[in-house]
Amino acid sequence: MKQRVGYVLVVLVLTIVVATPLSASPVRITDIQYWFAPDHIQTIISFDRAVQPSYHHRANPPRFVLEIPNCEDSRGEQAIPVNDITLQQIRVQRLNDGATQVVFDLVARVEASVQVLPQFNGQPDRVIVNLFDPARKGSPS
C-alpha cells in the first residue's frame, strides 16, 4: 500500500514538473503597429503564440483597455505617442497578476472592435483593434 501511494505521488510530482513550464511561460508581445484610415485608427499587436484577450472602456480619462493574461512585452513597458484627434498614446503595462494591458488613451470615447487572428501564412498570432471616431471622417490626422 505504501509503495502504491509513493508511486502515485511520484507520478503526480512529475506531471506537475513537466506541465508547469508550458503553462507558466508568458505569451510575448513581439510588435505593435498602428495606422490611420479615413474613419478609424487600426492597431495590430503581434504575439509569439495565440491569445484570448478581454477588453473594456474606461472613463475619466477616456481609455480603451485590452488585457492579455499571462503576457509580457518583449520590449518592456512603454508608451507609444500617437498625438491624434482620436488617440493620444498607446501604453503597455504589466500588471501584478502577470497580465499585460494595452491601454489606448483617447481624446473622447469611441466605438471599438477587436479581432483575434491566429497564425497564418507566415504571419504571427495577432490582435487587431479598430477605434472608430465619427470626428475622424473626412478630417486630416
C-alpha atoms as a PDB file:
ATOM      1  CA  MET A   1       0.000   0.000   0.000  1.00  0.00           C
ATOM      2  CA  LYS A   2       2.808   2.454   0.888  1.00  0.00           C
ATOM      3  CA  GLN A   3       4.547   1.657  -2.417  1.00  0.00           C
ATOM      4  CA  ARG A   4       1.369   2.395  -4.354  1.00  0.00           C
ATOM      5  CA  VAL A   5       0.913   5.780  -2.604  1.00  0.00           C
ATOM      6  CA  GLY A   6       4.585   6.579  -3.230  1.00  0.00           C
ATOM      7  CA  TYR A   7       4.226   5.676  -6.909  1.00  0.00           C
ATOM      8  CA  VAL A   8       1.135   7.890  -7.265  1.00  0.00           C
ATOM      9  CA  LEU A   9       2.962  10.803  -5.601  1.00  0.00           C
ATOM     10  CA  VAL A  10       5.985  10.406  -7.905  1.00  0.00           C
ATOM     11  CA  VAL A  11       3.739  10.371 -10.978  1.00  0.00           C
ATOM     12  CA  LEU A  12       1.829  13.424  -9.696  1.00  0.00           C
ATOM     13  CA  VAL A  13       5.030  15.389  -8.999  1.00  0.00           C
ATOM     14  CA  LEU A  14       6.499  14.506 -12.408  1.00  0.00           C
ATOM     15  CA  THR A  15       3.280  15.553 -14.123  1.00  0.00           C
ATOM     16  CA  ILE A  16       3.337  18.923 -12.349  1.00  0.00           C
ATOM     17  CA  VAL A  17       7.035  19.489 -13.100  1.00  0.00           C
ATOM     18  CA  VAL A  18       6.627  18.641 -16.788  1.00  0.00           C
ATOM     19  CA  ALA A  19       3.411  20.644 -17.274  1.00  0.00           C
ATOM     20  CA  THR A  20       4.325  23.766 -15.293  1.00  0.00           C
ATOM     21  CA  PRO A  21       6.894  25.322 -17.663  1.00  0.00           C
ATOM     22  CA  LEU A  22       4.441  25.167 -20.565  1.00  0.00           C
ATOM     23  CA  SER A  23       1.590  26.827 -18.720  1.00  0.00           C
ATOM     24  CA  ALA A  24       3.737  29.299 -16.750  1.00  0.00           C
ATOM     25  CA  SER A  25       5.690  30.663 -19.706  1.00  0.00           C
ATOM     26  CA  PRO A  26       4.138  34.027 -20.578  1.00  0.00           C
ATOM     27  CA  VAL A  27       2.931  34.961 -24.042  1.00  0.00           C
ATOM     28  CA  ARG A  28       5.101  37.712 -25.523  1.00  0.00           C
ATOM     29  CA  ILE A  29       4.071  40.803 -27.459  1.00  0.00           C
ATOM     30  CA  THR A  30       6.508  40.980 -30.371  1.00  0.00           C
ATOM     31  CA  ASP A  31       5.305  44.081 -32.219  1.00  0.00           C
ATOM     32  CA  ILE A  32       2.768  46.915 -32.120  1.00  0.00           C
ATOM     33  CA  GLN A  33       1.923  48.925 -35.244  1.00  0.00           C
ATOM     34  CA  TYR A  34      -0.816  51.459 -35.958  1.00  0.00           C
ATOM     35  CA  TRP A  35      -2.023  53.472 -38.908  1.00  0.00           C
ATOM     36  CA  PHE A  36      -4.775  55.879 -39.856  1.00  0.00           C
ATOM     37  CA  ALA A  37      -7.762  55.255 -42.104  1.00  0.00           C
ATOM     38  CA  PRO A  38     -10.310  57.917 -43.038  1.00  0.00           C
ATOM     39  CA  ASP A  39     -12.758  56.873 -40.292  1.00  0.00           C
ATOM     40  CA  HIS A  40     -10.659  54.905 -37.778  1.00  0.00           C
ATOM     41  CA  ILE A  41      -7.264  54.046 -36.359  1.00  0.00           C
ATOM     42  CA  GLN A  42      -6.147  50.439 -36.672  1.00  0.00           C
ATOM     43  CA  THR A  43      -3.613  48.881 -34.309  1.00  0.00           C
ATOM     44  CA  ILE A  44      -2.093  45.451 -34.873  1.00  0.00           C
ATOM     45  CA  ILE A  45      -0.479  43.731 -31.905  1.00  0.00           C
ATOM     46  CA  SER A  46       1.619  40.645 -32.734  1.00  0.00           C
ATOM     47  CA  PHE A  47       2.282  37.777 -30.300  1.00  0.00           C
ATOM     48  CA  ASP A  48       4.552  34.750 -30.209  1.00  0.00           C
ATOM     49  CA  ARG A  49       1.512  32.471 -29.801  1.00  0.00           C
ATOM     50  CA  ALA A  50      -2.282  32.538 -29.562  1.00  0.00           C
ATOM     51  CA  VAL A  51      -4.030  34.791 -27.034  1.00  0.00           C
ATOM     52  CA  GLN A  52      -7.565  35.315 -25.745  1.00  0.00           C
ATOM     53  CA  PRO A  53      -7.756  38.959 -24.665  1.00  0.00           C
ATOM     54  CA  SER A  54     -10.529  40.697 -22.797  1.00  0.00           C
ATOM     55  CA  TYR A  55     -11.302  44.368 -23.344  1.00  0.00           C
ATOM     56  CA  HIS A  56     -13.364  47.221 -21.980  1.00  0.00           C
ATOM     57  CA  HIS A  57     -13.794  51.002 -21.942  1.00  0.00           C
ATOM     58  CA  ARG A  58     -12.844  53.208 -19.002  1.00  0.00           C
ATOM     59  CA  ALA A  59     -13.870  56.783 -18.334  1.00  0.00           C
ATOM     60  CA  ASN A  60     -12.234  59.846 -16.754  1.00  0.00           C
ATOM     61  CA  PRO A  61     -10.000  59.995 -18.725  1.00  0.00           C
ATOM     62  CA  PRO A  62     -11.421  58.015 -21.646  1.00  0.00           C
ATOM     63  CA  ARG A  63      -9.493  54.824 -22.427  1.00  0.00           C
ATOM     64  CA  PHE A  64      -9.935  51.548 -24.238  1.00  0.00           C
ATOM     65  CA  VAL A  65      -8.137  48.683 -22.482  1.00  0.00           C
ATOM     66  CA  LEU A  66      -7.082  45.357 -23.942  1.00  0.00           C
ATOM     67  CA  GLU A  67      -5.991  42.840 -21.302  1.00  0.00           C
ATOM     68  CA  ILE A  68      -3.974  39.701 -22.098  1.00  0.00           C
ATOM     69  CA  PRO A  69      -3.499  37.144 -19.287  1.00  0.00           C
ATOM     70  CA  ASN A  70      -0.033  35.701 -18.611  1.00  0.00           C
ATOM     71  CA  CYS A  71       1.655  38.076 -21.054  1.00  0.00           C
ATOM     72  CA  GLU A  72       4.691  40.345 -21.263  1.00  0.00           C
ATOM     73  CA  ASP A  73       6.025  42.767 -23.839  1.00  0.00           C
ATOM     74  CA  SER A  74       9.391  41.649 -25.209  1.00  0.00           C
ATOM     75  CA  ARG A  75      10.410  45.343 -25.254  1.00  0.00           C
ATOM     76  CA  GLY A  76       9.280  46.104 -21.688  1.00  0.00           C
ATOM     77  CA  GLU A  77       6.695  48.628 -20.565  1.00  0.00           C
ATOM     78  CA  GLN A  78       6.371  51.508 -22.973  1.00  0.00           C
ATOM     79  CA  ALA A  79       4.305  54.403 -24.217  1.00  0.00           C
ATOM     80  CA  ILE A  80       3.853  54.945 -27.952  1.00  0.00           C
ATOM     81  CA  PRO A  81       2.892  58.558 -28.691  1.00  0.00           C
ATOM     82  CA  VAL A  82       0.236  58.959 -31.395  1.00  0.00           C
ATOM     83  CA  ASN A  83      -0.952  62.551 -30.753  1.00  0.00           C
ATOM     84  CA  ASP A  84      -4.014  62.338 -32.982  1.00  0.00           C
ATOM     85  CA  ILE A  85      -7.510  63.848 -32.746  1.00  0.00           C
ATOM     86  CA  THR A  86      -8.738  60.434 -31.536  1.00  0.00           C
ATOM     87  CA  LEU A  87      -5.827  58.680 -29.850  1.00  0.00           C
ATOM     88  CA  GLN A  88      -3.192  60.337 -27.660  1.00  0.00           C
ATOM     89  CA  GLN A  89      -0.966  57.327 -26.987  1.00  0.00           C
ATOM     90  CA  ILE A  90      -0.795  53.544 -26.625  1.00  0.00           C
ATOM     91  CA  ARG A  91       0.631  52.309 -23.316  1.00  0.00           C
ATOM     92  CA  VAL A  92       1.818  48.800 -22.497  1.00  0.00           C
ATOM     93  CA  GLN A  93       1.972  47.855 -18.825  1.00  0.00           C
ATOM     94  CA  ARG A  94       2.388  44.595 -16.948  1.00  0.00           C
ATOM     95  CA  LEU A  95       0.059  44.012 -14.005  1.00  0.00           C
ATOM     96  CA  ASN A  96       0.934  42.319 -10.706  1.00  0.00           C
ATOM     97  CA  ASP A  97      -1.100  39.230 -11.678  1.00  0.00           C
ATOM     98  CA  GLY A  98       1.103  38.634 -14.757  1.00  0.00           C
ATOM     99  CA  ALA A  99      -1.370  40.022 -17.279  1.00  0.00           C
ATOM    100  CA  THR A 100      -0.437  42.815 -19.647  1.00  0.00           C
ATOM    101  CA  GLN A 101      -2.674  45.747 -20.508  1.00  0.00           C
ATOM    102  CA  VAL A 102      -2.502  47.630 -23.771  1.00  0.00           C
ATOM    103  CA  VAL A 103      -4.154  50.950 -22.944  1.00  0.00           C
ATOM    104  CA  PHE A 104      -5.379  53.288 -25.657  1.00  0.00           C
ATOM    105  CA  ASP A 105      -5.505  56.798 -24.162  1.00  0.00           C
ATOM    106  CA  LEU A 106      -8.333  58.520 -26.044  1.00  0.00           C
ATOM    107  CA  VAL A 107      -9.407  62.115 -26.504  1.00  0.00           C
ATOM    108  CA  ALA A 108     -13.056  61.009 -26.140  1.00  0.00           C
ATOM    109  CA  ARG A 109     -14.887  57.686 -26.022  1.00  0.00           C
ATOM    110  CA  VAL A 110     -15.049  55.953 -29.408  1.00  0.00           C
ATOM    111  CA  GLU A 111     -16.506  52.750 -30.804  1.00  0.00           C
ATOM    112  CA  ALA A 112     -14.018  49.882 -30.804  1.00  0.00           C
ATOM    113  CA  SER A 113     -13.795  46.481 -32.433  1.00  0.00           C
ATOM    114  CA  VAL A 114     -11.350  43.704 -31.597  1.00  0.00           C
ATOM    115  CA  GLN A 115     -10.434  40.778 -33.829  1.00  0.00           C
ATOM    116  CA  VAL A 116      -8.138  37.886 -32.881  1.00  0.00           C
ATOM    117  CA  LEU A 117      -6.264  36.382 -35.845  1.00  0.00           C
ATOM    118  CA  PRO A 118      -4.401  33.076 -35.495  1.00  0.00           C
ATOM    119  CA  GLN A 119      -1.004  32.478 -37.046  1.00  0.00           C
ATOM    120  CA  PHE A 120      -1.425  32.043 -40.808  1.00  0.00           C
ATOM    121  CA  ASN A 121       0.758  32.068 -43.911  1.00  0.00           C
ATOM    122  CA  GLY A 122       3.879  33.293 -42.110  1.00  0.00           C
ATOM    123  CA  GLN A 123       2.034  35.957 -40.106  1.00  0.00           C
ATOM    124  CA  PRO A 124       2.198  35.714 -36.286  1.00  0.00           C
ATOM    125  CA  ASP A 125      -0.779  35.478 -33.945  1.00  0.00           C
ATOM    126  CA  ARG A 126      -2.312  38.969 -33.895  1.00  0.00           C
ATOM    127  CA  VAL A 127      -4.971  41.093 -32.279  1.00  0.00           C
ATOM    128  CA  ILE A 128      -6.447  43.896 -34.374  1.00  0.00           C
ATOM    129  CA  VAL A 129      -8.012  46.866 -32.588  1.00  0.00           C
ATOM    130  CA  ASN A 130     -10.037  49.360 -34.619  1.00  0.00           C
ATOM    131  CA  LEU A 131     -11.024  52.644 -32.970  1.00  0.00           C
ATOM    132  CA  PHE A 132     -13.873  54.368 -34.850  1.00  0.00           C
ATOM    133  CA  ASP A 133     -14.340  58.077 -34.185  1.00  0.00           C
ATOM    134  CA  PRO A 134     -17.115  59.953 -36.025  1.00  0.00           C
ATOM    135  CA  ALA A 135     -14.950  63.110 -35.785  1.00  0.00           C
ATOM    136  CA  ARG A 136     -12.278  61.420 -37.960  1.00  0.00           C
ATOM    137  CA  LYS A 137     -14.472  61.098 -41.031  1.00  0.00           C
ATOM    138  CA  GLY A 138     -13.052  63.471 -43.575  1.00  0.00           C
ATOM    139  CA  SER A 139     -10.703  65.213 -41.138  1.00  0.00           C
ATOM    140  CA  PRO A 140      -6.920  65.127 -41.586  1.00  0.00           C
ATOM    141  CA  SER A 141      -4.739  63.440 -38.949  1.00  0.00           C
END
